[in-house]
Amino acid sequence: MDSMSSPTELKSITPILFVTDVPTSAAHFRDKLGFAIDFLHGEPPFYGAVSRDGVCIHFRGSIR
């Protein structure tokens, strides 16, 4: 990058938290922290997302 250019502006990020139990983690964020569960994927769920106030957090568990 030269002295005349500016870095790219980041608008948002989506963190992915690695957890042992996706449904339990999503329920904790919903029940204790006020997030909404956006989706849970898989049977049993191994991936999911919660959101609140424009913030989205994804959860990743192990695939069985």
PDB file of N, CA and C in Angstrom:
ATOM      1  N   MET A   1       0.852  -1.165   0.000  1.00  0.00           N
ATOM      2  CA  MET A   1       0.000   0.000   0.000  1.00  0.00           C
ATOM      3  C   MET A   1       0.901   1.233   0.000  1.00  0.00           C
ATOM      4  N   ASP A   2       0.625   2.174  -0.904  1.00  0.00           N
ATOM      5  CA  ASP A   2       1.434   3.383  -0.920  1.00  0.00           C
ATOM      6  C   ASP A   2       0.850   4.427   0.031  1.00  0.00           C
ATOM      7  N   SER A   3       1.544   5.534   0.202  1.00  0.00           N
ATOM      8  CA  SER A   3       1.125   6.546   1.175  1.00  0.00           C
ATOM      9  C   SER A   3      -0.144   7.278   0.770  1.00  0.00           C
ATOM     10  N   MET A   4      -0.564   7.180  -0.498  1.00  0.00           N
ATOM     11  CA  MET A   4      -1.755   7.877  -0.974  1.00  0.00           C
ATOM     12  C   MET A   4      -3.026   7.032  -0.858  1.00  0.00           C
ATOM     13  N   SER A   5      -2.908   5.740  -0.677  1.00  0.00           N
ATOM     14  CA  SER A   5      -4.099   4.897  -0.599  1.00  0.00           C
ATOM     15  C   SER A   5      -4.472   4.654   0.862  1.00  0.00           C
ATOM     16  N   SER A   6      -5.743   4.375   1.061  1.00  0.00           N
ATOM     17  CA  SER A   6      -6.218   4.093   2.421  1.00  0.00           C
ATOM     18  C   SER A   6      -6.622   2.629   2.511  1.00  0.00           C
ATOM     19  N   PRO A   7      -6.582   2.069   3.701  1.00  0.00           N
ATOM     20  CA  PRO A   7      -6.985   0.667   3.848  1.00  0.00           C
ATOM     21  C   PRO A   7      -8.477   0.508   3.563  1.00  0.00           C
ATOM     22  N   THR A   8      -8.851  -0.672   3.151  1.00  0.00           N
ATOM     23  CA  THR A   8     -10.255  -0.979   2.915  1.00  0.00           C
ATOM     24  C   THR A   8     -11.022  -0.875   4.225  1.00  0.00           C
ATOM     25  N   GLU A   9     -12.167  -0.230   4.163  1.00  0.00           N
ATOM     26  CA  GLU A   9     -13.001  -0.077   5.360  1.00  0.00           C
ATOM     27  C   GLU A   9     -13.838  -1.333   5.568  1.00  0.00           C
ATOM     28  N   LEU A  10     -13.748  -1.906   6.752  1.00  0.00           N
ATOM     29  CA  LEU A  10     -14.559  -3.069   7.107  1.00  0.00           C
ATOM     30  C   LEU A  10     -15.904  -2.584   7.629  1.00  0.00           C
ATOM     31  N   LYS A  11     -16.967  -3.172   7.133  1.00  0.00           N
ATOM     32  CA  LYS A  11     -18.318  -2.790   7.548  1.00  0.00           C
ATOM     33  C   LYS A  11     -18.853  -3.693   8.655  1.00  0.00           C
ATOM     34  N   SER A  12     -18.450  -4.959   8.636  1.00  0.00           N
ATOM     35  CA  SER A  12     -18.913  -5.889   9.670  1.00  0.00           C
ATOM     36  C   SER A  12     -18.051  -7.149   9.635  1.00  0.00           C
ATOM     37  N   ILE A  13     -18.151  -7.920  10.690  1.00  0.00           N
ATOM     38  CA  ILE A  13     -17.517  -9.229  10.751  1.00  0.00           C
ATOM     39  C   ILE A  13     -18.529 -10.206  11.332  1.00  0.00           C
ATOM     40  N   THR A  14     -18.334 -11.479  11.073  1.00  0.00           N
ATOM     41  CA  THR A  14     -19.178 -12.515  11.662  1.00  0.00           C
ATOM     42  C   THR A  14     -18.259 -13.515  12.345  1.00  0.00           C
ATOM     43  N   PRO A  15     -18.133 -13.413  13.668  1.00  0.00           N
ATOM     44  CA  PRO A  15     -17.290 -14.382  14.364  1.00  0.00           C
ATOM     45  C   PRO A  15     -17.936 -15.764  14.372  1.00  0.00           C
ATOM     46  N   ILE A  16     -17.115 -16.780  14.311  1.00  0.00           N
ATOM     47  CA  ILE A  16     -17.576 -18.166  14.420  1.00  0.00           C
ATOM     48  C   ILE A  16     -16.960 -18.742  15.686  1.00  0.00           C
ATOM     49  N   LEU A  17     -17.810 -19.080  16.634  1.00  0.00           N
ATOM     50  CA  LEU A  17     -17.351 -19.666  17.892  1.00  0.00           C
ATOM     51  C   LEU A  17     -17.430 -21.182  17.788  1.00  0.00           C
ATOM     52  N   PHE A  18     -16.337 -21.856  18.102  1.00  0.00           N
ATOM     53  CA  PHE A  18     -16.333 -23.313  18.121  1.00  0.00           C
ATOM     54  C   PHE A  18     -16.808 -23.775  19.490  1.00  0.00           C
ATOM     55  N   VAL A  19     -17.903 -24.533  19.513  1.00  0.00           N
ATOM     56  CA  VAL A  19     -18.547 -24.950  20.756  1.00  0.00           C
ATOM     57  C   VAL A  19     -18.766 -26.462  20.740  1.00  0.00           C
ATOM     58  N   THR A  20     -19.005 -27.032  21.905  1.00  0.00           N
ATOM     59  CA  THR A  20     -19.252 -28.473  21.975  1.00  0.00           C
ATOM     60  C   THR A  20     -20.713 -28.820  21.710  1.00  0.00           C
ATOM     61  N   ASP A  21     -21.631 -27.879  21.951  1.00  0.00           N
ATOM     62  CA  ASP A  21     -23.061 -28.148  21.780  1.00  0.00           C
ATOM     63  C   ASP A  21     -23.734 -26.905  21.198  1.00  0.00           C
ATOM     64  N   VAL A  22     -24.014 -26.932  19.896  1.00  0.00           N
ATOM     65  CA  VAL A  22     -24.581 -25.773  19.210  1.00  0.00           C
ATOM     66  C   VAL A  22     -25.960 -25.394  19.756  1.00  0.00           C
ATOM     67  N   PRO A  23     -26.920 -26.318  19.894  1.00  0.00           N
ATOM     68  CA  PRO A  23     -28.235 -25.920  20.397  1.00  0.00           C
ATOM     69  C   PRO A  23     -28.191 -25.311  21.806  1.00  0.00           C
ATOM     70  N   THR A  24     -27.369 -25.876  22.680  1.00  0.00           N
ATOM     71  CA  THR A  24     -27.257 -25.349  24.040  1.00  0.00           C
ATOM     72  C   THR A  24     -26.624 -23.963  24.032  1.00  0.00           C
ATOM     73  N   SER A  25     -25.609 -23.769  23.202  1.00  0.00           N
ATOM     74  CA  SER A  25     -24.965 -22.462  23.103  1.00  0.00           C
ATOM     75  C   SER A  25     -25.929 -21.419  22.556  1.00  0.00           C
ATOM     76  N   ALA A  26     -26.672 -21.765  21.511  1.00  0.00           N
ATOM     77  CA  ALA A  26     -27.645 -20.832  20.931  1.00  0.00           C
ATOM     78  C   ALA A  26     -28.739 -20.497  21.949  1.00  0.00           C
ATOM     79  N   ALA A  27     -29.199 -21.490  22.692  1.00  0.00           N
ATOM     80  CA  ALA A  27     -30.229 -21.253  23.706  1.00  0.00           C
ATOM     81  C   ALA A  27     -29.708 -20.343  24.822  1.00  0.00           C
ATOM     82  N   HIS A  28     -28.464 -20.509  25.204  1.00  0.00           N
ATOM     83  CA  HIS A  28     -27.873 -19.640  26.230  1.00  0.00           C
ATOM     84  C   HIS A  28     -27.844 -18.190  25.748  1.00  0.00           C
ATOM     85  N   PHE A  29     -27.391 -17.964  24.527  1.00  0.00           N
ATOM     86  CA  PHE A  29     -27.350 -16.605  23.992  1.00  0.00           C
ATOM     87  C   PHE A  29     -28.760 -16.016  23.893  1.00  0.00           C
ATOM     88  N   ARG A  30     -29.746 -16.850  23.557  1.00  0.00           N
ATOM     89  CA  ARG A  30     -31.140 -16.394  23.492  1.00  0.00           C
ATOM     90  C   ARG A  30     -31.685 -16.080  24.879  1.00  0.00           C
ATOM     91  N   ASP A  31     -31.578 -17.034  25.785  1.00  0.00           N
ATOM     92  CA  ASP A  31     -32.234 -16.923  27.093  1.00  0.00           C
ATOM     93  C   ASP A  31     -31.524 -15.972  28.050  1.00  0.00           C
ATOM     94  N   LYS A  32     -30.223 -15.931  28.024  1.00  0.00           N
ATOM     95  CA  LYS A  32     -29.456 -15.123  28.988  1.00  0.00           C
ATOM     96  C   LYS A  32     -28.994 -13.780  28.435  1.00  0.00           C
ATOM     97  N   LEU A  33     -28.804 -13.694  27.099  1.00  0.00           N
ATOM     98  CA  LEU A  33     -28.200 -12.492  26.529  1.00  0.00           C
ATOM     99  C   LEU A  33     -29.118 -11.750  25.550  1.00  0.00           C
ATOM    100  N   GLY A  34     -30.328 -12.280  25.323  1.00  0.00           N
ATOM    101  CA  GLY A  34     -31.311 -11.578  24.508  1.00  0.00           C
ATOM    102  C   GLY A  34     -31.146 -11.688  23.009  1.00  0.00           C
ATOM    103  N   PHE A  35     -30.372 -12.643  22.531  1.00  0.00           N
ATOM    104  CA  PHE A  35     -30.215 -12.858  21.095  1.00  0.00           C
ATOM    105  C   PHE A  35     -31.399 -13.651  20.559  1.00  0.00           C
ATOM    106  N   ALA A  36     -31.626 -13.563  19.255  1.00  0.00           N
ATOM    107  CA  ALA A  36     -32.607 -14.411  18.571  1.00  0.00           C
ATOM    108  C   ALA A  36     -31.832 -15.504  17.839  1.00  0.00           C
ATOM    109  N   ILE A  37     -32.377 -16.708  17.832  1.00  0.00           N
ATOM    110  CA  ILE A  37     -31.755 -17.791  17.071  1.00  0.00           C
ATOM    111  C   ILE A  37     -32.179 -17.632  15.617  1.00  0.00           C
ATOM    112  N   ASP A  38     -31.210 -17.432  14.725  1.00  0.00           N
ATOM    113  CA  ASP A  38     -31.491 -17.258  13.303  1.00  0.00           C
ATOM    114  C   ASP A  38     -31.689 -18.594  12.605  1.00  0.00           C
ATOM    115  N   PHE A  39     -30.808 -19.550  12.891  1.00  0.00           N
ATOM    116  CA  PHE A  39     -30.963 -20.881  12.308  1.00  0.00           C
ATOM    117  C   PHE A  39     -30.088 -21.876  13.054  1.00  0.00           C
ATOM    118  N   LEU A  40     -30.468 -23.135  12.979  1.00  0.00           N
ATOM    119  CA  LEU A  40     -29.670 -24.272  13.438  1.00  0.00           C
ATOM    120  C   LEU A  40     -29.653 -25.253  12.281  1.00  0.00           C
ATOM    121  N   HIS A  41     -28.473 -25.731  11.902  1.00  0.00           N
ATOM    122  CA  HIS A  41     -28.345 -26.584  10.723  1.00  0.00           C
ATOM    123  C   HIS A  41     -27.820 -27.962  11.112  1.00  0.00           C
ATOM    124  N   GLY A  42     -28.458 -28.988  10.552  1.00  0.00           N
ATOM    125  CA  GLY A  42     -28.029 -30.367  10.766  1.00  0.00           C
ATOM    126  C   GLY A  42     -28.941 -31.079  11.747  1.00  0.00           C
ATOM    127  N   GLU A  43     -28.795 -32.394  11.775  1.00  0.00           N
ATOM    128  CA  GLU A  43     -29.577 -33.217  12.710  1.00  0.00           C
ATOM    129  C   GLU A  43     -28.660 -34.251  13.315  1.00  0.00           C
ATOM    130  N   PRO A  44     -28.168 -34.085  14.517  1.00  0.00           N
ATOM    131  CA  PRO A  44     -28.384 -32.924  15.388  1.00  0.00           C
ATOM    132  C   PRO A  44     -27.643 -31.695  14.859  1.00  0.00           C
ATOM    133  N   PRO A  45     -28.060 -30.504  15.265  1.00  0.00           N
ATOM    134  CA  PRO A  45     -27.436 -29.286  14.749  1.00  0.00           C
ATOM    135  C   PRO A  45     -25.937 -29.218  15.059  1.00  0.00           C
ATOM    136  N   PHE A  46     -25.152 -28.889  14.022  1.00  0.00           N
ATOM    137  CA  PHE A  46     -23.708 -28.715  14.187  1.00  0.00           C
ATOM    138  C   PHE A  46     -23.261 -27.315  13.756  1.00  0.00           C
ATOM    139  N   TYR A  47     -24.202 -26.500  13.268  1.00  0.00           N
ATOM    140  CA  TYR A  47     -23.893 -25.129  12.863  1.00  0.00           C
ATOM    141  C   TYR A  47     -25.131 -24.284  13.126  1.00  0.00           C
ATOM    142  N   GLY A  48     -24.928 -23.047  13.531  1.00  0.00           N
ATOM    143  CA  GLY A  48     -26.069 -22.176  13.774  1.00  0.00           C
ATOM    144  C   GLY A  48     -25.639 -20.732  13.920  1.00  0.00           C
ATOM    145  N   ALA A  49     -26.645 -19.864  14.051  1.00  0.00           N
ATOM    146  CA  ALA A  49     -26.362 -18.438  14.195  1.00  0.00           C
ATOM    147  C   ALA A  49     -27.393 -17.790  15.100  1.00  0.00           C
ATOM    148  N   VAL A  50     -26.931 -16.778  15.816  1.00  0.00           N
ATOM    149  CA  VAL A  50     -27.808 -15.940  16.638  1.00  0.00           C
ATOM    150  C   VAL A  50     -27.517 -14.486  16.274  1.00  0.00           C
ATOM    151  N   SER A  51     -28.490 -13.603  16.541  1.00  0.00           N
ATOM    152  CA  SER A  51     -28.256 -12.188  16.254  1.00  0.00           C
ATOM    153  C   SER A  51     -29.009 -11.310  17.239  1.00  0.00           C
ATOM    154  N   ARG A  52     -28.494 -10.083  17.368  1.00  0.00           N
ATOM    155  CA  ARG A  52     -29.104  -9.075  18.227  1.00  0.00           C
ATOM    156  C   ARG A  52     -28.495  -7.723  17.883  1.00  0.00           C
ATOM    157  N   ASP A  53     -29.317  -6.719  17.748  1.00  0.00           N
ATOM    158  CA  ASP A  53     -28.846  -5.342  17.528  1.00  0.00           C
ATOM    159  C   ASP A  53     -27.850  -5.227  16.378  1.00  0.00           C
ATOM    160  N   GLY A  54     -28.076  -5.953  15.306  1.00  0.00           N
ATOM    161  CA  GLY A  54     -27.190  -5.872  14.153  1.00  0.00           C
ATOM    162  C   GLY A  54     -25.920  -6.696  14.260  1.00  0.00           C
ATOM    163  N   VAL A  55     -25.774  -7.450  15.351  1.00  0.00           N
ATOM    164  CA  VAL A  55     -24.598  -8.306  15.549  1.00  0.00           C
ATOM    165  C   VAL A  55     -25.013  -9.748  15.309  1.00  0.00           C
ATOM    166  N   CYS A  56     -24.233 -10.474  14.520  1.00  0.00           N
ATOM    167  CA  CYS A  56     -24.505 -11.882  14.233  1.00  0.00           C
ATOM    168  C   CYS A  56     -23.295 -12.699  14.695  1.00  0.00           C
ATOM    169  N   ILE A  57     -23.578 -13.794  15.395  1.00  0.00           N
ATOM    170  CA  ILE A  57     -22.529 -14.716  15.854  1.00  0.00           C
ATOM    171  C   ILE A  57     -22.902 -16.113  15.374  1.00  0.00           C
ATOM    172  N   HIS A  58     -21.945 -16.798  14.777  1.00  0.00           N
ATOM    173  CA  HIS A  58     -22.166 -18.171  14.332  1.00  0.00           C
ATOM    174  C   HIS A  58     -21.522 -19.134  15.326  1.00  0.00           C
ATOM    175  N   PHE A  59     -22.109 -20.324  15.415  1.00  0.00           N
ATOM    176  CA  PHE A  59     -21.580 -21.391  16.261  1.00  0.00           C
ATOM    177  C   PHE A  59     -21.252 -22.583  15.372  1.00  0.00           C
ATOM    178  N   ARG A  60     -20.138 -23.225  15.658  1.00  0.00           N
ATOM    179  CA  ARG A  60     -19.723 -24.421  14.914  1.00  0.00           C
ATOM    180  C   ARG A  60     -19.383 -25.502  15.914  1.00  0.00           C
ATOM    181  N   GLY A  61     -20.045 -26.637  15.780  1.00  0.00           N
ATOM    182  CA  GLY A  61     -19.758 -27.793  16.608  1.00  0.00           C
ATOM    183  C   GLY A  61     -19.108 -28.869  15.760  1.00  0.00           C
ATOM    184  N   SER A  62     -18.910 -30.025  16.330  1.00  0.00           N
ATOM    185  CA  SER A  62     -18.321 -31.123  15.571  1.00  0.00           C
ATOM    186  C   SER A  62     -19.398 -31.852  14.780  1.00  0.00           C
ATOM    187  N   ILE A  63     -19.020 -32.325  13.604  1.00  0.00           N
ATOM    188  CA  ILE A  63     -19.938 -33.129  12.788  1.00  0.00           C
ATOM    189  C   ILE A  63     -19.823 -34.567  13.267  1.00  0.00           C
ATOM    190  N   ARG A  64     -20.946 -35.154  13.564  1.00  0.00           N
ATOM    191  CA  ARG A  64     -20.922 -36.521  14.097  1.00  0.00           C
ATOM    192  C   ARG A  64     -21.063 -37.535  13.015  1.00  0.00           C
TER     193      ARG A  64
END
